[in-house]
């Protein structure tokens, strides 16, 4: 029984890690007042770029290539949504569709119309001495790919940044009262652009985790809606990096539970198991987020149109 629980926890962390990375970046973006629906585009761009980078230079450089690709996709979003003040939802949707289409075309151009089964250099697990020997949770939490540990470190670091630094205060002010922030000398648009680029870079790292630590290959559309799920994770985590990490692991556990239930051979439609993670997330959102409040200026352009 203990082996089953340990395997379940390990799968939960592995499946929750890309959501945690993308959602942590998006939490910073949204605290600045920007909602980047194009997160999915950054994830898939990061997955393809990391695959190509890993083939050329190795897995470590592949993660860097994924981060750059995610940042570039976010820069396109920022240009239109923040520079030209286009609608953020429409712009983000266009970036997502463009990212999915562009990566599919680039993949076919590089590997042929039918594609090929890539075998990529992967990010192997790194064990933490002593901690990895803990019963049940040791292997699950402390024998993972380096990108998982990045999520562990980022959650408290971003919490401290938001709540204990002057820059974090400025970022939160742009998401709550941009007029007051600007009057206090904060460059609102610049702050929002940097937050958006940071979120895009982390989404690219999430894509790299998918390709190099989770699947070991690249497939068209392999992001599979994780960008949209990550936005829901931000809400579930109440825009708090620590809560976001916990919410991502919760969704990873729900996904792992789906696979576990399917192995039991229950006489139920498999679509029910596929829907389980999303149903659990909706139930959690309905019961938890009613007490949460989004940044007051979230999704609103700045300067406001006259």
Protein backbone atom coordinates (compact mmCIF):
# COMPACT_ATOMS: atom_id res chain seq x y z
CA UNK A 1 0.00 0.00 0.00
CA UNK A 2 2.83 2.39 0.85
CA UNK A 3 4.34 1.82 -2.59
CA UNK A 4 1.03 2.76 -4.24
CA UNK A 5 0.79 5.96 -2.20
CA UNK A 6 4.41 6.86 -2.95
CA UNK A 7 3.86 6.30 -6.68
CA UNK A 8 0.68 8.39 -6.56
CA UNK A 9 2.49 11.28 -4.84
CA UNK A 10 5.38 11.10 -7.29
CA UNK A 11 2.98 11.28 -10.24
CA UNK A 12 1.13 14.17 -8.60
CA UNK A 13 4.31 16.23 -8.32
CA UNK A 14 5.45 15.37 -11.84
CA UNK A 15 2.08 16.32 -13.34
CA UNK A 16 1.68 19.42 -11.20
CA UNK A 17 5.14 20.86 -11.86
CA UNK A 18 4.48 22.42 -15.31
CA UNK A 19 1.25 23.93 -14.00
CA UNK A 20 3.11 25.33 -11.00
CA UNK A 21 5.79 26.96 -13.15
CA UNK A 22 3.32 28.52 -15.58
CA UNK A 23 0.92 29.60 -12.82
CA UNK A 24 3.65 31.16 -10.67
CA UNK A 25 4.68 33.34 -13.59
CA UNK A 26 1.06 34.19 -14.38
CA UNK A 27 0.42 35.12 -10.75
CA UNK A 28 3.05 37.87 -11.07
CA UNK A 29 1.58 38.97 -14.40
CA UNK A 30 -1.92 39.19 -12.97
CA UNK A 31 -0.81 41.00 -9.82
CA UNK A 32 0.41 43.74 -12.17
CA UNK A 33 -3.07 44.02 -13.70
CA UNK A 34 -2.58 41.94 -16.84
CA UNK A 35 -4.28 38.63 -17.67
CA UNK A 36 -2.32 36.74 -20.30
CA UNK A 37 -4.66 34.28 -21.97
CA UNK A 38 -1.79 33.64 -24.39
CA UNK A 39 -0.02 31.56 -21.74
CA UNK A 40 -0.77 28.42 -23.74
CA UNK A 41 1.16 29.87 -26.67
CA UNK A 42 4.20 30.44 -24.46
CA UNK A 43 4.05 26.87 -23.12
CA UNK A 44 3.91 25.21 -26.54
CA UNK A 45 6.59 27.55 -27.90
CA UNK A 46 8.79 26.65 -24.94
CA UNK A 47 8.20 22.94 -25.51
CA UNK A 48 9.30 23.08 -29.16
CA UNK A 49 12.24 25.41 -28.55
CA UNK A 50 13.47 23.26 -25.67
CA UNK A 51 13.26 20.15 -27.87
CA UNK A 52 15.27 21.80 -30.62
CA UNK A 53 17.71 23.27 -28.12
CA UNK A 54 18.19 19.94 -26.38
CA UNK A 55 18.88 18.20 -29.68
CA UNK A 56 21.49 20.82 -30.55
CA UNK A 57 23.18 21.55 -27.22
CA UNK A 58 21.78 19.30 -24.51
CA UNK A 59 18.92 19.34 -22.02
CA UNK A 60 20.19 22.20 -19.86
CA UNK A 61 20.46 24.59 -22.79
CA UNK A 62 17.11 23.30 -23.98
CA UNK A 63 15.45 24.69 -20.84
CA UNK A 64 17.05 28.05 -21.56
CA UNK A 65 15.80 27.95 -25.16
CA UNK A 66 12.31 27.16 -23.88
CA UNK A 67 12.39 30.16 -21.53
CA UNK A 68 13.45 32.46 -24.38
CA UNK A 69 10.70 31.14 -26.66
CA UNK A 70 8.08 31.63 -23.96
CA UNK A 71 9.34 35.16 -23.38
CA UNK A 72 9.14 35.95 -27.11
CA UNK A 73 5.52 34.78 -27.25
CA UNK A 74 4.74 36.94 -24.22
CA UNK A 75 6.50 39.88 -25.87
CA UNK A 76 4.13 39.60 -28.84
CA UNK A 77 1.21 39.68 -26.42
CA UNK A 78 2.69 42.67 -24.57
CA UNK A 79 3.25 44.59 -27.80
CA UNK A 80 -0.40 44.45 -28.77
CA UNK A 81 -2.12 44.32 -25.36
CA UNK A 82 0.07 46.83 -23.53
CA UNK A 83 1.78 48.78 -26.28
CA UNK A 84 -1.20 49.19 -28.60
CA UNK A 85 -3.82 48.70 -25.84
CA UNK A 86 -5.71 45.97 -27.68
CA UNK A 87 -8.18 43.86 -25.72
CA UNK A 88 -6.17 41.48 -23.52
CA UNK A 89 -8.51 38.52 -23.90
CA UNK A 90 -8.68 38.74 -27.69
CA UNK A 91 -4.93 39.32 -27.96
CA UNK A 92 -4.15 36.39 -25.69
CA UNK A 93 -6.46 34.11 -27.66
CA UNK A 94 -4.71 35.13 -30.88
CA UNK A 95 -1.28 34.47 -29.35
CA UNK A 96 -2.40 31.02 -28.22
CA UNK A 97 -3.80 30.11 -31.63
CA UNK A 98 -0.73 31.55 -33.33
CA UNK A 99 1.61 29.63 -31.02
CA UNK A 100 -0.15 26.33 -31.63
CA UNK A 101 -0.19 26.90 -35.39
CA UNK A 102 3.37 28.17 -35.64
CA UNK A 103 4.88 25.33 -33.60
CA UNK A 104 2.98 22.74 -35.64
CA UNK A 105 4.23 24.31 -38.88
CA UNK A 106 7.80 24.61 -37.57
CA UNK A 107 7.78 21.01 -36.37
CA UNK A 108 6.55 19.74 -39.74
CA UNK A 109 9.09 21.92 -41.55
CA UNK A 110 11.94 20.52 -39.46
CA UNK A 111 10.89 16.88 -39.27
CA UNK A 112 8.59 16.35 -42.26
CA UNK A 113 4.85 16.42 -42.85
CA UNK A 114 4.29 13.22 -40.89
CA UNK A 115 6.71 14.23 -38.15
CA UNK A 116 9.01 11.82 -36.40
CA UNK A 117 9.21 10.29 -32.97
CA UNK A 118 11.83 12.44 -31.24
CA UNK A 119 14.03 10.97 -28.59
CA UNK A 120 15.31 13.94 -26.64
CA UNK A 121 18.06 14.36 -24.06
CA UNK A 122 16.07 14.51 -20.84
CA UNK A 123 16.33 16.16 -17.45
CA UNK A 124 16.98 13.25 -15.13
CA UNK A 125 15.86 13.23 -11.50
CA UNK A 126 18.15 14.85 -8.94
CA UNK A 127 17.94 13.32 -5.48
CA UNK A 128 18.29 15.49 -2.38
CA UNK A 129 20.37 13.67 0.26
CA UNK A 130 18.48 12.65 3.40
CA UNK A 131 15.21 14.23 2.26
CA UNK A 132 14.82 11.71 -0.58
CA UNK A 133 15.05 8.90 2.00
CA UNK A 134 11.97 10.04 3.91
CA UNK A 135 9.16 7.46 3.89
CA UNK A 136 6.34 8.01 1.36
CA UNK A 137 7.16 11.63 0.47
CA UNK A 138 10.92 11.35 -0.02
CA UNK A 139 11.07 10.03 -3.58
CA UNK A 140 7.93 11.90 -4.57
CA UNK A 141 9.12 15.38 -3.61
CA UNK A 142 12.90 15.15 -3.48
CA UNK A 143 13.90 12.91 -6.39
CA UNK A 144 12.57 15.03 -9.24
CA UNK A 145 13.84 16.97 -12.25
CA UNK A 146 15.61 20.30 -11.58
CA UNK A 147 12.61 22.23 -12.93
CA UNK A 148 10.51 20.87 -10.06
CA UNK A 149 12.95 22.30 -7.53
CA UNK A 150 12.79 25.59 -9.40
CA UNK A 151 9.06 25.71 -8.65
CA UNK A 152 9.74 24.90 -4.98
CA UNK A 153 12.20 27.80 -4.73
CA UNK A 154 10.19 30.29 -6.74
CA UNK A 155 7.02 30.06 -4.64
CA UNK A 156 8.52 31.44 -1.39
CA UNK A 157 10.86 33.77 -3.30
CA UNK A 158 7.97 35.37 -5.17
CA UNK A 159 5.93 35.63 -1.97
CA UNK A 160 8.78 37.53 -0.34
CA UNK A 161 9.15 39.71 -3.44
CA UNK A 162 5.47 40.66 -3.45
CA UNK A 163 5.09 41.22 0.27
CA UNK A 164 8.48 42.29 1.58
CA UNK A 165 10.09 44.46 -1.12
CA UNK A 166 9.48 47.92 -2.52
CA UNK A 167 9.44 46.55 -6.08
CA UNK A 168 6.76 44.08 -5.08
CA UNK A 169 4.70 46.90 -3.60
CA UNK A 170 5.00 48.83 -6.87
CA UNK A 171 3.94 45.75 -8.84
CA UNK A 172 0.87 45.23 -6.65
CA UNK A 173 0.01 48.92 -6.89
CA UNK A 174 -0.10 48.75 -10.70
CA UNK A 175 -2.63 45.94 -10.42
CA UNK A 176 -4.79 47.66 -7.84
CA UNK A 177 -4.64 51.41 -8.44
CA UNK A 178 -2.55 52.25 -11.52
CA UNK A 179 -3.49 55.93 -11.34
CA UNK A 180 -2.22 56.21 -7.78
CA UNK A 181 0.88 54.19 -8.67
CA UNK A 182 1.69 56.51 -11.56
CA UNK A 183 1.16 59.56 -9.35
CA UNK A 184 3.70 58.04 -6.94
CA UNK A 185 6.25 57.75 -9.74
CA UNK A 186 5.74 54.11 -10.77
CA UNK A 187 6.07 53.47 -14.50
CA UNK A 188 2.90 51.41 -14.86
CA UNK A 189 3.28 50.19 -18.44
CA UNK A 190 6.94 49.29 -17.95
CA UNK A 191 6.11 47.34 -14.79
CA UNK A 192 3.33 45.46 -16.54
CA UNK A 193 5.51 44.63 -19.54
CA UNK A 194 8.27 43.21 -17.33
CA UNK A 195 5.74 41.16 -15.33
CA UNK A 196 4.26 39.79 -18.56
CA UNK A 197 7.67 38.84 -19.93
CA UNK A 198 8.54 37.11 -16.65
CA UNK A 199 5.32 35.12 -16.80
CA UNK A 200 5.98 34.15 -20.40
CA UNK A 201 9.52 32.99 -19.62
CA UNK A 202 8.27 30.74 -16.80
CA UNK A 203 5.57 29.36 -19.10
CA UNK A 204 8.36 28.53 -21.55
CA UNK A 205 10.19 26.67 -18.77
CA UNK A 206 6.94 24.80 -18.09
CA UNK A 207 6.90 23.77 -21.75
CA UNK A 208 10.51 22.66 -21.44
CA UNK A 209 9.57 20.52 -18.44
CA UNK A 210 6.83 18.88 -20.50
CA UNK A 211 9.20 18.03 -23.33
CA UNK A 212 12.40 17.21 -21.44
CA UNK A 213 11.30 15.94 -18.02
CA UNK A 214 7.80 14.59 -18.53
CA UNK A 215 7.41 13.21 -22.06
CA UNK A 216 10.97 13.00 -23.36
CA UNK A 217 9.69 14.07 -26.77
CA UNK A 218 7.72 16.79 -28.53
CA UNK A 219 4.25 16.41 -29.99
CA UNK A 220 2.01 18.91 -31.71
CA UNK A 221 -0.41 20.45 -29.23
CA UNK A 222 1.26 18.71 -26.29
CA UNK A 223 0.48 21.69 -24.05
CA UNK A 224 -3.08 20.29 -24.05
CA UNK A 225 -4.76 23.30 -22.47
CA UNK A 226 -2.31 23.64 -19.58
CA UNK A 227 -2.06 27.38 -20.13
CA UNK A 228 -5.77 27.81 -19.44
CA UNK A 229 -5.56 25.42 -16.49
CA UNK A 230 -2.65 27.44 -15.08
CA UNK A 231 -4.82 30.57 -15.13
CA UNK A 232 -7.46 28.68 -13.13
CA UNK A 233 -4.70 27.55 -10.75
CA UNK A 234 -3.78 31.20 -10.13
CA UNK A 235 -7.38 31.91 -9.12
CA UNK A 236 -7.51 28.76 -6.99
CA UNK A 237 -4.28 29.86 -5.29
CA UNK A 238 -5.81 33.31 -4.68
CA UNK A 239 -2.94 35.14 -6.44
CA UNK A 240 -0.59 34.05 -3.65
CA UNK A 241 2.54 32.22 -4.92
CA UNK A 242 2.48 29.77 -2.01
CA UNK A 243 -1.20 29.05 -2.60
CA UNK A 244 -0.56 28.75 -6.34
CA UNK A 245 2.08 26.06 -5.77
CA UNK A 246 -0.30 24.13 -3.52
CA UNK A 247 -3.14 24.48 -6.04
CA UNK A 248 -0.93 23.22 -8.88
CA UNK A 249 0.02 20.14 -6.85
CA UNK A 250 -3.66 19.61 -6.05
CA UNK A 251 -4.50 19.58 -9.75
CA UNK A 252 -1.55 17.25 -10.36
CA UNK A 253 -2.94 14.92 -7.71
CA UNK A 254 -6.38 15.00 -9.36
CA UNK A 255 -4.80 14.07 -12.69
CA UNK A 256 -2.78 11.28 -11.09
CA UNK A 257 -5.95 10.02 -9.41
CA UNK A 258 -7.60 9.88 -12.83
CA UNK A 259 -4.89 7.52 -14.10
CA UNK A 260 -5.00 5.45 -10.90
CA UNK A 261 -8.78 4.94 -11.13
CA UNK A 262 -8.49 3.89 -14.78
CA UNK A 263 -6.08 1.10 -13.78
CA UNK A 264 -8.70 -0.37 -11.42
CA UNK A 265 -10.78 -1.52 -14.39
CA UNK A 266 -14.00 0.05 -13.16
CA UNK A 267 -16.98 -0.36 -15.47
CA UNK A 268 -17.39 3.37 -16.06
CA UNK A 269 -16.98 5.54 -19.19
CA UNK A 270 -13.35 6.59 -19.49
CA UNK A 271 -14.49 10.15 -20.29
CA UNK A 272 -15.60 10.41 -16.66
CA UNK A 273 -12.04 9.78 -15.51
CA UNK A 274 -10.68 12.32 -17.99
CA UNK A 275 -13.05 14.94 -16.64
CA UNK A 276 -12.23 14.23 -12.98
CA UNK A 277 -9.36 16.75 -12.57
CA UNK A 278 -11.45 19.53 -14.08
CA UNK A 279 -14.50 18.67 -11.99
CA UNK A 280 -12.44 18.69 -8.81
CA UNK A 281 -10.92 22.03 -9.79
CA UNK A 282 -14.35 23.54 -10.43
CA UNK A 283 -15.60 22.28 -7.06
CA UNK A 284 -12.54 23.72 -5.33
CA UNK A 285 -12.98 27.05 -7.10
CA UNK A 286 -16.66 27.19 -6.21
CA UNK A 287 -15.99 26.51 -2.55
CA UNK A 288 -12.80 28.50 -2.05
CA UNK A 289 -12.49 31.44 -4.38
CA UNK A 290 -15.69 33.10 -3.28
CA UNK A 291 -13.61 34.71 -0.53
CA UNK A 292 -10.78 35.71 -2.88
CA UNK A 293 -10.51 39.06 -4.63
CA UNK A 294 -8.74 39.56 -7.93
CA UNK A 295 -6.52 42.63 -8.45
CA UNK A 296 -8.88 45.56 -8.96
CA UNK A 297 -7.35 46.65 -12.28
CA UNK A 298 -6.95 43.15 -13.73
CA UNK A 299 -7.55 43.17 -17.48
CA UNK A 300 -8.06 46.93 -17.68
CA UNK A 301 -5.91 48.90 -20.17
CA UNK A 302 -3.59 51.68 -19.06
CA UNK A 303 -3.73 54.54 -19.72
CA UNK A 304 -7.49 54.17 -19.69
CA UNK A 305 -9.17 55.16 -22.96
CA UNK A 306 -10.81 58.57 -22.91
